[in-house]
Amino acid sequence: MAIELNQPALRHARALIRDGKVVRDERDDWSEAAPTADEENTFIEREGWTQYSHWHLGIDHRENRETKKAYSFPVGDFTRIHRSGVISAESRAGQYDHDEIRDALRALLELIDEHAED
């Protein structure tokens, strides 16, 4: 399978959650919270492709790493992880049989919800 779990992005997401950099929104909020193409472009110009990749749990090694096409399953807005993004990505990963990514996203959701109880 070409799309794989992006391990650096997973580590980045876990760290943000542990640091409390999370928006505890609901699934339907992701359509409003997800970065626009212009916001993505601005972030890439400012921070570069490596930092951009850290916000996507899926990576396609067949694609050029300096294109958006290489990255999938976004989970945040470049400052915080969004619970809605994690839920949306988990659903899509399951729909397309990306089980490892789905399971990692499910674990992130559990981590978000555990930290909400603190």
PDB file of N, CA and C in Angstrom:
ATOM      1  N   MET A   1       0.844  -1.180   0.000  1.00  0.00           N
ATOM      2  CA  MET A   1       0.000   0.000   0.000  1.00  0.00           C
ATOM      3  C   MET A   1       0.885   1.238   0.000  1.00  0.00           C
ATOM      4  N   ALA A   2       0.569   2.196  -0.806  1.00  0.00           N
ATOM      5  CA  ALA A   2       1.430   3.355  -0.982  1.00  0.00           C
ATOM      6  C   ALA A   2       1.329   4.346   0.171  1.00  0.00           C
ATOM      7  N   ILE A   3       0.151   4.577   0.705  1.00  0.00           N
ATOM      8  CA  ILE A   3       0.013   5.532   1.802  1.00  0.00           C
ATOM      9  C   ILE A   3       0.313   4.815   3.109  1.00  0.00           C
ATOM     10  N   GLU A   4       1.265   5.375   3.852  1.00  0.00           N
ATOM     11  CA  GLU A   4       1.708   4.771   5.106  1.00  0.00           C
ATOM     12  C   GLU A   4       1.523   5.748   6.247  1.00  0.00           C
ATOM     13  N   LEU A   5       1.594   5.213   7.451  1.00  0.00           N
ATOM     14  CA  LEU A   5       1.553   6.039   8.644  1.00  0.00           C
ATOM     15  C   LEU A   5       2.811   6.906   8.689  1.00  0.00           C
ATOM     16  N   ASN A   6       2.623   8.193   8.854  1.00  0.00           N
ATOM     17  CA  ASN A   6       3.716   9.155   8.937  1.00  0.00           C
ATOM     18  C   ASN A   6       4.143   9.240  10.410  1.00  0.00           C
ATOM     19  N   GLN A   7       5.168   8.497  10.766  1.00  0.00           N
ATOM     20  CA  GLN A   7       5.602   8.389  12.168  1.00  0.00           C
ATOM     21  C   GLN A   7       6.009   9.737  12.776  1.00  0.00           C
ATOM     22  N   PRO A   8       6.756  10.585  12.063  1.00  0.00           N
ATOM     23  CA  PRO A   8       7.077  11.895  12.660  1.00  0.00           C
ATOM     24  C   PRO A   8       5.822  12.718  12.960  1.00  0.00           C
ATOM     25  N   ALA A   9       4.822  12.619  12.104  1.00  0.00           N
ATOM     26  CA  ALA A   9       3.569  13.346  12.342  1.00  0.00           C
ATOM     27  C   ALA A   9       2.849  12.786  13.566  1.00  0.00           C
ATOM     28  N   LEU A  10       2.891  11.484  13.728  1.00  0.00           N
ATOM     29  CA  LEU A  10       2.265  10.870  14.897  1.00  0.00           C
ATOM     30  C   LEU A  10       2.951  11.344  16.179  1.00  0.00           C
ATOM     31  N   ARG A  11       4.267  11.364  16.184  1.00  0.00           N
ATOM     32  CA  ARG A  11       5.005  11.846  17.359  1.00  0.00           C
ATOM     33  C   ARG A  11       4.687  13.319  17.635  1.00  0.00           C
ATOM     34  N   HIS A  12       4.615  14.113  16.585  1.00  0.00           N
ATOM     35  CA  HIS A  12       4.292  15.529  16.712  1.00  0.00           C
ATOM     36  C   HIS A  12       2.896  15.711  17.316  1.00  0.00           C
ATOM     37  N   ALA A  13       1.932  14.958  16.821  1.00  0.00           N
ATOM     38  CA  ALA A  13       0.553  15.051  17.326  1.00  0.00           C
ATOM     39  C   ALA A  13       0.486  14.664  18.801  1.00  0.00           C
ATOM     40  N   ARG A  14       1.152  13.590  19.167  1.00  0.00           N
ATOM     41  CA  ARG A  14       1.167  13.165  20.578  1.00  0.00           C
ATOM     42  C   ARG A  14       1.750  14.255  21.473  1.00  0.00           C
ATOM     43  N   ALA A  15       2.837  14.860  21.021  1.00  0.00           N
ATOM     44  CA  ALA A  15       3.480  15.908  21.821  1.00  0.00           C
ATOM     45  C   ALA A  15       2.550  17.105  21.989  1.00  0.00           C
ATOM     46  N   LEU A  16       1.884  17.495  20.923  1.00  0.00           N
ATOM     47  CA  LEU A  16       0.955  18.621  21.017  1.00  0.00           C
ATOM     48  C   LEU A  16      -0.184  18.315  21.982  1.00  0.00           C
ATOM     49  N   ILE A  17      -0.693  17.102  21.918  1.00  0.00           N
ATOM     50  CA  ILE A  17      -1.785  16.711  22.817  1.00  0.00           C
ATOM     51  C   ILE A  17      -1.303  16.744  24.268  1.00  0.00           C
ATOM     52  N   ARG A  18      -0.138  16.178  24.523  1.00  0.00           N
ATOM     53  CA  ARG A  18       0.409  16.193  25.887  1.00  0.00           C
ATOM     54  C   ARG A  18       0.631  17.617  26.391  1.00  0.00           C
ATOM     55  N   ASP A  19       0.964  18.531  25.464  1.00  0.00           N
ATOM     56  CA  ASP A  19       1.187  19.932  25.841  1.00  0.00           C
ATOM     57  C   ASP A  19      -0.107  20.742  25.914  1.00  0.00           C
ATOM     58  N   GLY A  20      -1.236  20.082  25.670  1.00  0.00           N
ATOM     59  CA  GLY A  20      -2.521  20.766  25.759  1.00  0.00           C
ATOM     60  C   GLY A  20      -2.875  21.617  24.557  1.00  0.00           C
ATOM     61  N   LYS A  21      -2.171  21.441  23.466  1.00  0.00           N
ATOM     62  CA  LYS A  21      -2.431  22.228  22.256  1.00  0.00           C
ATOM     63  C   LYS A  21      -3.469  21.506  21.402  1.00  0.00           C
ATOM     64  N   VAL A  22      -4.701  21.503  21.932  1.00  0.00           N
ATOM     65  CA  VAL A  22      -5.801  20.747  21.337  1.00  0.00           C
ATOM     66  C   VAL A  22      -7.059  21.595  21.343  1.00  0.00           C
ATOM     67  N   VAL A  23      -7.818  21.512  20.267  1.00  0.00           N
ATOM     68  CA  VAL A  23      -9.164  22.075  20.222  1.00  0.00           C
ATOM     69  C   VAL A  23     -10.108  20.897  20.369  1.00  0.00           C
ATOM     70  N   ARG A  24     -10.900  20.902  21.421  1.00  0.00           N
ATOM     71  CA  ARG A  24     -11.811  19.779  21.692  1.00  0.00           C
ATOM     72  C   ARG A  24     -13.168  20.057  21.064  1.00  0.00           C
ATOM     73  N   ASP A  25     -13.170  20.050  19.749  1.00  0.00           N
ATOM     74  CA  ASP A  25     -14.386  20.324  19.002  1.00  0.00           C
ATOM     75  C   ASP A  25     -15.039  19.022  18.562  1.00  0.00           C
ATOM     76  N   GLU A  26     -16.138  19.134  17.857  1.00  0.00           N
ATOM     77  CA  GLU A  26     -16.897  17.964  17.408  1.00  0.00           C
ATOM     78  C   GLU A  26     -16.620  17.695  15.932  1.00  0.00           C
ATOM     79  N   ARG A  27     -16.922  16.512  15.491  1.00  0.00           N
ATOM     80  CA  ARG A  27     -16.612  16.041  14.147  1.00  0.00           C
ATOM     81  C   ARG A  27     -16.997  17.030  13.052  1.00  0.00           C
ATOM     82  N   ASP A  28     -18.199  17.548  13.101  1.00  0.00           N
ATOM     83  CA  ASP A  28     -18.673  18.417  12.032  1.00  0.00           C
ATOM     84  C   ASP A  28     -17.959  19.764  11.990  1.00  0.00           C
ATOM     85  N   ASP A  29     -17.201  20.088  13.028  1.00  0.00           N
ATOM     86  CA  ASP A  29     -16.479  21.360  13.076  1.00  0.00           C
ATOM     87  C   ASP A  29     -15.250  21.377  12.162  1.00  0.00           C
ATOM     88  N   TRP A  30     -14.791  20.208  11.727  1.00  0.00           N
ATOM     89  CA  TRP A  30     -13.570  20.146  10.929  1.00  0.00           C
ATOM     90  C   TRP A  30     -13.701  20.877   9.602  1.00  0.00           C
ATOM     91  N   SER A  31     -14.871  20.875   9.005  1.00  0.00           N
ATOM     92  CA  SER A  31     -15.028  21.551   7.715  1.00  0.00           C
ATOM     93  C   SER A  31     -14.727  23.047   7.849  1.00  0.00           C
ATOM     94  N   GLU A  32     -14.988  23.624   9.002  1.00  0.00           N
ATOM     95  CA  GLU A  32     -14.675  25.032   9.242  1.00  0.00           C
ATOM     96  C   GLU A  32     -13.249  25.228   9.757  1.00  0.00           C
ATOM     97  N   ALA A  33     -12.741  24.253  10.487  1.00  0.00           N
ATOM     98  CA  ALA A  33     -11.441  24.395  11.138  1.00  0.00           C
ATOM     99  C   ALA A  33     -10.264  24.028  10.236  1.00  0.00           C
ATOM    100  N   ALA A  34     -10.494  23.168   9.263  1.00  0.00           N
ATOM    101  CA  ALA A  34      -9.403  22.711   8.401  1.00  0.00           C
ATOM    102  C   ALA A  34      -8.773  23.889   7.657  1.00  0.00           C
ATOM    103  N   PRO A  35      -7.455  23.907   7.559  1.00  0.00           N
ATOM    104  CA  PRO A  35      -6.793  24.992   6.846  1.00  0.00           C
ATOM    105  C   PRO A  35      -7.225  25.052   5.369  1.00  0.00           C
ATOM    106  N   THR A  36      -7.346  26.260   4.870  1.00  0.00           N
ATOM    107  CA  THR A  36      -7.654  26.459   3.453  1.00  0.00           C
ATOM    108  C   THR A  36      -6.387  26.227   2.636  1.00  0.00           C
ATOM    109  N   ALA A  37      -6.539  26.125   1.335  1.00  0.00           N
ATOM    110  CA  ALA A  37      -5.371  25.971   0.461  1.00  0.00           C
ATOM    111  C   ALA A  37      -4.428  27.155   0.620  1.00  0.00           C
ATOM    112  N   ASP A  38      -4.959  28.358   0.747  1.00  0.00           N
ATOM    113  CA  ASP A  38      -4.108  29.537   0.942  1.00  0.00           C
ATOM    114  C   ASP A  38      -3.360  29.471   2.269  1.00  0.00           C
ATOM    115  N   GLU A  39      -4.030  29.033   3.322  1.00  0.00           N
ATOM    116  CA  GLU A  39      -3.367  28.888   4.623  1.00  0.00           C
ATOM    117  C   GLU A  39      -2.272  27.828   4.554  1.00  0.00           C
ATOM    118  N   GLU A  40      -2.534  26.740   3.845  1.00  0.00           N
ATOM    119  CA  GLU A  40      -1.507  25.713   3.666  1.00  0.00           C
ATOM    120  C   GLU A  40      -0.298  26.280   2.928  1.00  0.00           C
ATOM    121  N   ASN A  41      -0.556  27.000   1.843  1.00  0.00           N
ATOM    122  CA  ASN A  41       0.542  27.576   1.056  1.00  0.00           C
ATOM    123  C   ASN A  41       1.375  28.548   1.882  1.00  0.00           C
ATOM    124  N   THR A  42       0.710  29.382   2.655  1.00  0.00           N
ATOM    125  CA  THR A  42       1.416  30.337   3.512  1.00  0.00           C
ATOM    126  C   THR A  42       2.278  29.599   4.532  1.00  0.00           C
ATOM    127  N   PHE A  43       1.725  28.541   5.136  1.00  0.00           N
ATOM    128  CA  PHE A  43       2.473  27.757   6.114  1.00  0.00           C
ATOM    129  C   PHE A  43       3.698  27.115   5.453  1.00  0.00           C
ATOM    130  N   ILE A  44       3.515  26.533   4.279  1.00  0.00           N
ATOM    131  CA  ILE A  44       4.632  25.883   3.573  1.00  0.00           C
ATOM    132  C   ILE A  44       5.721  26.905   3.248  1.00  0.00           C
ATOM    133  N   GLU A  45       5.335  28.072   2.775  1.00  0.00           N
ATOM    134  CA  GLU A  45       6.317  29.112   2.455  1.00  0.00           C
ATOM    135  C   GLU A  45       7.093  29.543   3.701  1.00  0.00           C
ATOM    136  N   ARG A  46       6.406  29.639   4.823  1.00  0.00           N
ATOM    137  CA  ARG A  46       7.019  30.107   6.060  1.00  0.00           C
ATOM    138  C   ARG A  46       7.836  29.009   6.754  1.00  0.00           C
ATOM    139  N   GLU A  47       7.276  27.787   6.835  1.00  0.00           N
ATOM    140  CA  GLU A  47       7.864  26.719   7.659  1.00  0.00           C
ATOM    141  C   GLU A  47       8.525  25.590   6.876  1.00  0.00           C
ATOM    142  N   GLY A  48       8.145  25.403   5.624  1.00  0.00           N
ATOM    143  CA  GLY A  48       8.734  24.357   4.792  1.00  0.00           C
ATOM    144  C   GLY A  48       7.927  23.066   4.771  1.00  0.00           C
ATOM    145  N   TRP A  49       8.352  22.180   3.905  1.00  0.00           N
ATOM    146  CA  TRP A  49       7.629  20.925   3.678  1.00  0.00           C
ATOM    147  C   TRP A  49       7.709  19.956   4.847  1.00  0.00           C
ATOM    148  N   THR A  50       8.825  19.924   5.532  1.00  0.00           N
ATOM    149  CA  THR A  50       8.944  18.989   6.662  1.00  0.00           C
ATOM    150  C   THR A  50       7.927  19.336   7.731  1.00  0.00           C
ATOM    151  N   GLN A  51       7.833  20.611   8.074  1.00  0.00           N
ATOM    152  CA  GLN A  51       6.851  21.015   9.081  1.00  0.00           C
ATOM    153  C   GLN A  51       5.427  20.768   8.592  1.00  0.00           C
ATOM    154  N   TYR A  52       5.183  21.014   7.318  1.00  0.00           N
ATOM    155  CA  TYR A  52       3.859  20.725   6.748  1.00  0.00           C
ATOM    156  C   TYR A  52       3.522  19.247   6.910  1.00  0.00           C
ATOM    157  N   SER A  53       4.496  18.394   6.656  1.00  0.00           N
ATOM    158  CA  SER A  53       4.261  16.947   6.739  1.00  0.00           C
ATOM    159  C   SER A  53       3.884  16.508   8.149  1.00  0.00           C
ATOM    160  N   HIS A  54       4.333  17.245   9.156  1.00  0.00           N
ATOM    161  CA  HIS A  54       4.062  16.869  10.552  1.00  0.00           C
ATOM    162  C   HIS A  54       2.606  17.043  10.950  1.00  0.00           C
ATOM    163  N   TRP A  55       1.808  17.620  10.097  1.00  0.00           N
ATOM    164  CA  TRP A  55       0.385  17.816  10.386  1.00  0.00           C
ATOM    165  C   TRP A  55      -0.492  16.809   9.642  1.00  0.00           C
ATOM    166  N   HIS A  56       0.121  15.804   9.005  1.00  0.00           N
ATOM    167  CA  HIS A  56      -0.610  14.809   8.209  1.00  0.00           C
ATOM    168  C   HIS A  56      -0.162  13.404   8.601  1.00  0.00           C
ATOM    169  N   LEU A  57      -1.126  12.575   8.992  1.00  0.00           N
ATOM    170  CA  LEU A  57      -0.785  11.224   9.460  1.00  0.00           C
ATOM    171  C   LEU A  57      -0.520  10.248   8.327  1.00  0.00           C
ATOM    172  N   GLY A  58      -0.843  10.620   7.105  1.00  0.00           N
ATOM    173  CA  GLY A  58      -0.575   9.752   5.967  1.00  0.00           C
ATOM    174  C   GLY A  58       0.498  10.338   5.072  1.00  0.00           C
ATOM    175  N   ILE A  59       1.364   9.471   4.563  1.00  0.00           N
ATOM    176  CA  ILE A  59       2.387   9.896   3.613  1.00  0.00           C
ATOM    177  C   ILE A  59       2.461   8.876   2.489  1.00  0.00           C
ATOM    178  N   ASP A  60       2.529   9.371   1.262  1.00  0.00           N
ATOM    179  CA  ASP A  60       2.627   8.527   0.077  1.00  0.00           C
ATOM    180  C   ASP A  60       4.029   8.691  -0.486  1.00  0.00           C
ATOM    181  N   HIS A  61       4.851   7.686  -0.298  1.00  0.00           N
ATOM    182  CA  HIS A  61       6.250   7.761  -0.708  1.00  0.00           C
ATOM    183  C   HIS A  61       6.435   7.727  -2.221  1.00  0.00           C
ATOM    184  N   ARG A  62       5.382   7.424  -2.962  1.00  0.00           N
ATOM    185  CA  ARG A  62       5.471   7.448  -4.430  1.00  0.00           C
ATOM    186  C   ARG A  62       5.444   8.877  -4.952  1.00  0.00           C
ATOM    187  N   GLU A  63       4.929   9.782  -4.136  1.00  0.00           N
ATOM    188  CA  GLU A  63       4.778  11.177  -4.556  1.00  0.00           C
ATOM    189  C   GLU A  63       5.989  12.003  -4.122  1.00  0.00           C
ATOM    190  N   ASN A  64       6.218  13.092  -4.835  1.00  0.00           N
ATOM    191  CA  ASN A  64       7.260  14.049  -4.488  1.00  0.00           C
ATOM    192  C   ASN A  64       6.933  14.629  -3.118  1.00  0.00           C
ATOM    193  N   ARG A  65       7.875  14.582  -2.192  1.00  0.00           N
ATOM    194  CA  ARG A  65       7.635  15.060  -0.823  1.00  0.00           C
ATOM    195  C   ARG A  65       7.452  16.567  -0.750  1.00  0.00           C
ATOM    196  N   GLU A  66       7.720  17.254  -1.831  1.00  0.00           N
ATOM    197  CA  GLU A  66       7.500  18.697  -1.861  1.00  0.00           C
ATOM    198  C   GLU A  66       6.263  19.036  -2.676  1.00  0.00           C
ATOM    199  N   THR A  67       5.249  18.188  -2.519  1.00  0.00           N
ATOM    200  CA  THR A  67       3.921  18.463  -3.077  1.00  0.00           C
ATOM    201  C   THR A  67       2.885  18.046  -2.040  1.00  0.00           C
ATOM    202  N   LYS A  68       1.768  18.721  -2.056  1.00  0.00           N
ATOM    203  CA  LYS A  68       0.689  18.392  -1.119  1.00  0.00           C
ATOM    204  C   LYS A  68       0.146  16.992  -1.379  1.00  0.00           C
ATOM    205  N   LYS A  69       0.301  16.523  -2.585  1.00  0.00           N
ATOM    206  CA  LYS A  69      -0.219  15.207  -2.963  1.00  0.00           C
ATOM    207  C   LYS A  69       0.411  14.073  -2.134  1.00  0.00           C
ATOM    208  N   ALA A  70       1.571  14.316  -1.572  1.00  0.00           N
ATOM    209  CA  ALA A  70       2.269  13.288  -0.786  1.00  0.00           C
ATOM    210  C   ALA A  70       1.656  13.091   0.601  1.00  0.00           C
ATOM    211  N   TYR A  71       0.808  14.026   1.046  1.00  0.00           N
ATOM    212  CA  TYR A  71       0.337  14.019   2.427  1.00  0.00           C
ATOM    213  C   TYR A  71      -1.176  13.912   2.516  1.00  0.00           C
ATOM    214  N   SER A  72      -1.631  13.136   3.487  1.00  0.00           N
ATOM    215  CA  SER A  72      -3.073  12.946   3.674  1.00  0.00           C
ATOM    216  C   SER A  72      -3.375  12.796   5.168  1.00  0.00           C
ATOM    217  N   PHE A  73      -4.622  12.842   5.484  1.00  0.00           N
ATOM    218  CA  PHE A  73      -5.121  12.704   6.850  1.00  0.00           C
ATOM    219  C   PHE A  73      -4.607  13.815   7.771  1.00  0.00           C
ATOM    220  N   PRO A  74      -4.955  15.077   7.440  1.00  0.00           N
ATOM    221  CA  PRO A  74      -4.565  16.198   8.298  1.00  0.00           C
ATOM    222  C   PRO A  74      -5.330  16.171   9.617  1.00  0.00           C
ATOM    223  N   VAL A  75      -4.698  16.685  10.674  1.00  0.00           N
ATOM    224  CA  VAL A  75      -5.325  16.642  11.998  1.00  0.00           C
ATOM    225  C   VAL A  75      -5.296  17.970  12.747  1.00  0.00           C
ATOM    226  N   GLY A  76      -4.781  19.024  12.126  1.00  0.00           N
ATOM    227  CA  GLY A  76      -4.716  20.281  12.849  1.00  0.00           C
ATOM    228  C   GLY A  76      -4.654  21.491  11.948  1.00  0.00           C
ATOM    229  N   ASP A  77      -4.538  22.645  12.600  1.00  0.00           N
ATOM    230  CA  ASP A  77      -4.571  23.924  11.886  1.00  0.00           C
ATOM    231  C   ASP A  77      -3.209  24.608  11.863  1.00  0.00           C
ATOM    232  N   PHE A  78      -2.142  23.857  12.078  1.00  0.00           N
ATOM    233  CA  PHE A  78      -0.754  24.316  12.105  1.00  0.00           C
ATOM    234  C   PHE A  78      -0.377  25.002  13.411  1.00  0.00           C
ATOM    235  N   THR A  79      -1.292  25.028  14.377  1.00  0.00           N
ATOM    236  CA  THR A  79      -0.951  25.491  15.722  1.00  0.00           C
ATOM    237  C   THR A  79      -1.451  24.512  16.776  1.00  0.00           C
ATOM    238  N   ARG A  80      -2.595  23.885  16.509  1.00  0.00           N
ATOM    239  CA  ARG A  80      -3.190  22.949  17.466  1.00  0.00           C
ATOM    240  C   ARG A  80      -3.807  21.761  16.729  1.00  0.00           C
ATOM    241  N   ILE A  81      -3.860  20.648  17.445  1.00  0.00           N
ATOM    242  CA  ILE A  81      -4.574  19.466  16.962  1.00  0.00           C
ATOM    243  C   ILE A  81      -6.065  19.713  17.182  1.00  0.00           C
ATOM    244  N   HIS A  82      -6.863  19.336  16.219  1.00  0.00           N
ATOM    245  CA  HIS A  82      -8.317  19.455  16.360  1.00  0.00           C
ATOM    246  C   HIS A  82      -8.918  18.062  16.534  1.00  0.00           C
ATOM    247  N   ARG A  83      -9.682  17.905  17.583  1.00  0.00           N
ATOM    248  CA  ARG A  83     -10.374  16.639  17.811  1.00  0.00           C
ATOM    249  C   ARG A  83     -11.216  16.287  16.583  1.00  0.00           C
ATOM    250  N   SER A  84     -11.849  17.296  15.994  1.00  0.00           N
ATOM    251  CA  SER A  84     -12.683  17.078  14.806  1.00  0.00           C
ATOM    252  C   SER A  84     -11.848  16.557  13.632  1.00  0.00           C
ATOM    253  N   GLY A  85     -10.626  17.044  13.495  1.00  0.00           N
ATOM    254  CA  GLY A  85      -9.746  16.575  12.424  1.00  0.00           C
ATOM    255  C   GLY A  85      -9.340  15.134  12.622  1.00  0.00           C
ATOM    256  N   VAL A  86      -9.068  14.773  13.873  1.00  0.00           N
ATOM    257  CA  VAL A  86      -8.699  13.394  14.184  1.00  0.00           C
ATOM    258  C   VAL A  86      -9.867  12.459  13.890  1.00  0.00           C
ATOM    259  N   ILE A  87     -11.069  12.857  14.288  1.00  0.00           N
ATOM    260  CA  ILE A  87     -12.256  12.027  14.045  1.00  0.00           C
ATOM    261  C   ILE A  87     -12.495  11.864  12.543  1.00  0.00           C
ATOM    262  N   SER A  88     -12.408  12.963  11.814  1.00  0.00           N
ATOM    263  CA  SER A  88     -12.628  12.921  10.369  1.00  0.00           C
ATOM    264  C   SER A  88     -11.591  12.040   9.672  1.00  0.00           C
ATOM    265  N   ALA A  89     -10.327  12.221  10.053  1.00  0.00           N
ATOM    266  CA  ALA A  89      -9.257  11.425   9.448  1.00  0.00           C
ATOM    267  C   ALA A  89      -9.406   9.940   9.783  1.00  0.00           C
ATOM    268  N   GLU A  90      -9.789   9.646  11.017  1.00  0.00           N
ATOM    269  CA  GLU A  90      -9.974   8.245  11.411  1.00  0.00           C
ATOM    270  C   GLU A  90     -11.061   7.593  10.549  1.00  0.00           C
ATOM    271  N   SER A  91     -12.134   8.302  10.346  1.00  0.00           N
ATOM    272  CA  SER A  91     -13.229   7.785   9.533  1.00  0.00           C
ATOM    273  C   SER A  91     -12.771   7.516   8.096  1.00  0.00           C
ATOM    274  N   ARG A  92     -12.064   8.472   7.513  1.00  0.00           N
ATOM    275  CA  ARG A  92     -11.592   8.307   6.134  1.00  0.00           C
ATOM    276  C   ARG A  92     -10.555   7.195   6.021  1.00  0.00           C
ATOM    277  N   ALA A  93      -9.669   7.095   7.002  1.00  0.00           N
ATOM    278  CA  ALA A  93      -8.656   6.037   6.966  1.00  0.00           C
ATOM    279  C   ALA A  93      -9.324   4.666   7.007  1.00  0.00           C
ATOM    280  N   GLY A  94     -10.337   4.527   7.852  1.00  0.00           N
ATOM    281  CA  GLY A  94     -11.068   3.265   7.916  1.00  0.00           C
ATOM    282  C   GLY A  94     -11.815   2.974   6.627  1.00  0.00           C
ATOM    283  N   GLN A  95     -12.407   3.998   6.056  1.00  0.00           N
ATOM    284  CA  GLN A  95     -13.163   3.854   4.805  1.00  0.00           C
ATOM    285  C   GLN A  95     -12.284   3.336   3.672  1.00  0.00           C
ATOM    286  N   TYR A  96     -11.013   3.754   3.657  1.00  0.00           N
ATOM    287  CA  TYR A  96     -10.106   3.369   2.573  1.00  0.00           C
ATOM    288  C   TYR A  96      -9.107   2.286   2.987  1.00  0.00           C
ATOM    289  N   ASP A  97      -9.419   1.590   4.071  1.00  0.00           N
ATOM    290  CA  ASP A  97      -8.633   0.434   4.521  1.00  0.00           C
ATOM    291  C   ASP A  97      -7.178   0.755   4.864  1.00  0.00           C
ATOM    292  N   HIS A  98      -6.955   1.931   5.408  1.00  0.00           N
ATOM    293  CA  HIS A  98      -5.624   2.281   5.920  1.00  0.00           C
ATOM    294  C   HIS A  98      -5.649   1.991   7.426  1.00  0.00           C
ATOM    295  N   ASP A  99      -5.608   0.713   7.749  1.00  0.00           N
ATOM    296  CA  ASP A  99      -5.834   0.268   9.123  1.00  0.00           C
ATOM    297  C   ASP A  99      -4.817   0.801  10.117  1.00  0.00           C
ATOM    298  N   GLU A 100      -3.551   0.833   9.742  1.00  0.00           N
ATOM    299  CA  GLU A 100      -2.530   1.316  10.668  1.00  0.00           C
ATOM    300  C   GLU A 100      -2.757   2.803  10.984  1.00  0.00           C
ATOM    301  N   ILE A 101      -3.101   3.570   9.974  1.00  0.00           N
ATOM    302  CA  ILE A 101      -3.373   4.996  10.174  1.00  0.00           C
ATOM    303  C   ILE A 101      -4.642   5.163  11.002  1.00  0.00           C
ATOM    304  N   ARG A 102      -5.669   4.409  10.681  1.00  0.00           N
ATOM    305  CA  ARG A 102      -6.919   4.463  11.442  1.00  0.00           C
ATOM    306  C   ARG A 102      -6.673   4.176  12.918  1.00  0.00           C
ATOM    307  N   ASP A 103      -5.904   3.134  13.192  1.00  0.00           N
ATOM    308  CA  ASP A 103      -5.637   2.758  14.579  1.00  0.00           C
ATOM    309  C   ASP A 103      -4.826   3.826  15.309  1.00  0.00           C
ATOM    310  N   ALA A 104      -3.874   4.441  14.620  1.00  0.00           N
ATOM    311  CA  ALA A 104      -3.086   5.515  15.229  1.00  0.00           C
ATOM    312  C   ALA A 104      -3.976   6.715  15.541  1.00  0.00           C
ATOM    313  N   LEU A 105      -4.888   7.018  14.644  1.00  0.00           N
ATOM    314  CA  LEU A 105      -5.817   8.129  14.864  1.00  0.00           C
ATOM    315  C   LEU A 105      -6.765   7.829  16.013  1.00  0.00           C
ATOM    316  N   ARG A 106      -7.217   6.606  16.109  1.00  0.00           N
ATOM    317  CA  ARG A 106      -8.080   6.207  17.221  1.00  0.00           C
ATOM    318  C   ARG A 106      -7.339   6.386  18.551  1.00  0.00           C
ATOM    319  N   ALA A 107      -6.066   6.001  18.573  1.00  0.00           N
ATOM    320  CA  ALA A 107      -5.263   6.166  19.787  1.00  0.00           C
ATOM    321  C   ALA A 107      -5.076   7.650  20.115  1.00  0.00           C
ATOM    322  N   LEU A 108      -4.913   8.493  19.094  1.00  0.00           N
ATOM    323  CA  LEU A 108      -4.806   9.937  19.336  1.00  0.00           C
ATOM    324  C   LEU A 108      -6.103  10.484  19.929  1.00  0.00           C
ATOM    325  N   LEU A 109      -7.219  10.023  19.408  1.00  0.00           N
ATOM    326  CA  LEU A 109      -8.519  10.465  19.932  1.00  0.00           C
ATOM    327  C   LEU A 109      -8.663  10.069  21.403  1.00  0.00           C
ATOM    328  N   GLU A 110      -8.256   8.855  21.725  1.00  0.00           N
ATOM    329  CA  GLU A 110      -8.306   8.408  23.124  1.00  0.00           C
ATOM    330  C   GLU A 110      -7.389   9.275  23.988  1.00  0.00           C
ATOM    331  N   LEU A 111      -6.220   9.619  23.477  1.00  0.00           N
ATOM    332  CA  LEU A 111      -5.292  10.468  24.227  1.00  0.00           C
ATOM    333  C   LEU A 111      -5.893  11.863  24.449  1.00  0.00           C
ATOM    334  N   ILE A 112      -6.538  12.411  23.437  1.00  0.00           N
ATOM    335  CA  ILE A 112      -7.206  13.697  23.564  1.00  0.00           C
ATOM    336  C   ILE A 112      -8.274  13.625  24.651  1.00  0.00           C
ATOM    337  N   ASP A 113      -9.092  12.596  24.590  1.00  0.00           N
ATOM    338  CA  ASP A 113     -10.191  12.471  25.559  1.00  0.00           C
ATOM    339  C   ASP A 113      -9.678  12.208  26.967  1.00  0.00           C
ATOM    340  N   GLU A 114      -8.576  11.462  27.106  1.00  0.00           N
ATOM    341  CA  GLU A 114      -7.976  11.242  28.433  1.00  0.00           C
ATOM    342  C   GLU A 114      -7.490  12.553  29.029  1.00  0.00           C
ATOM    343  N   HIS A 115      -6.844  13.366  28.200  1.00  0.00           N
ATOM    344  CA  HIS A 115      -6.313  14.642  28.687  1.00  0.00           C
ATOM    345  C   HIS A 115      -7.420  15.643  28.970  1.00  0.00           C
ATOM    346  N   ALA A 116      -8.564  15.456  28.390  1.00  0.00           N
ATOM    347  CA  ALA A 116      -9.706  16.361  28.675  1.00  0.00           C
ATOM    348  C   ALA A 116     -10.204  16.157  30.095  1.00  0.00           C
ATOM    349  N   GLU A 117      -9.977  14.968  30.635  1.00  0.00           N
ATOM    350  CA  GLU A 117     -10.429  14.647  31.988  1.00  0.00           C
ATOM    351  C   GLU A 117      -9.479  15.171  33.053  1.00  0.00           C
ATOM    352  N   ASP A 118      -8.288  15.620  32.657  1.00  0.00           N
ATOM    353  CA  ASP A 118      -7.298  16.110  33.639  1.00  0.00           C
ATOM    354  C   ASP A 118      -7.751  17.412  34.272  1.00  0.00           C
TER     355      ASP A 118
END
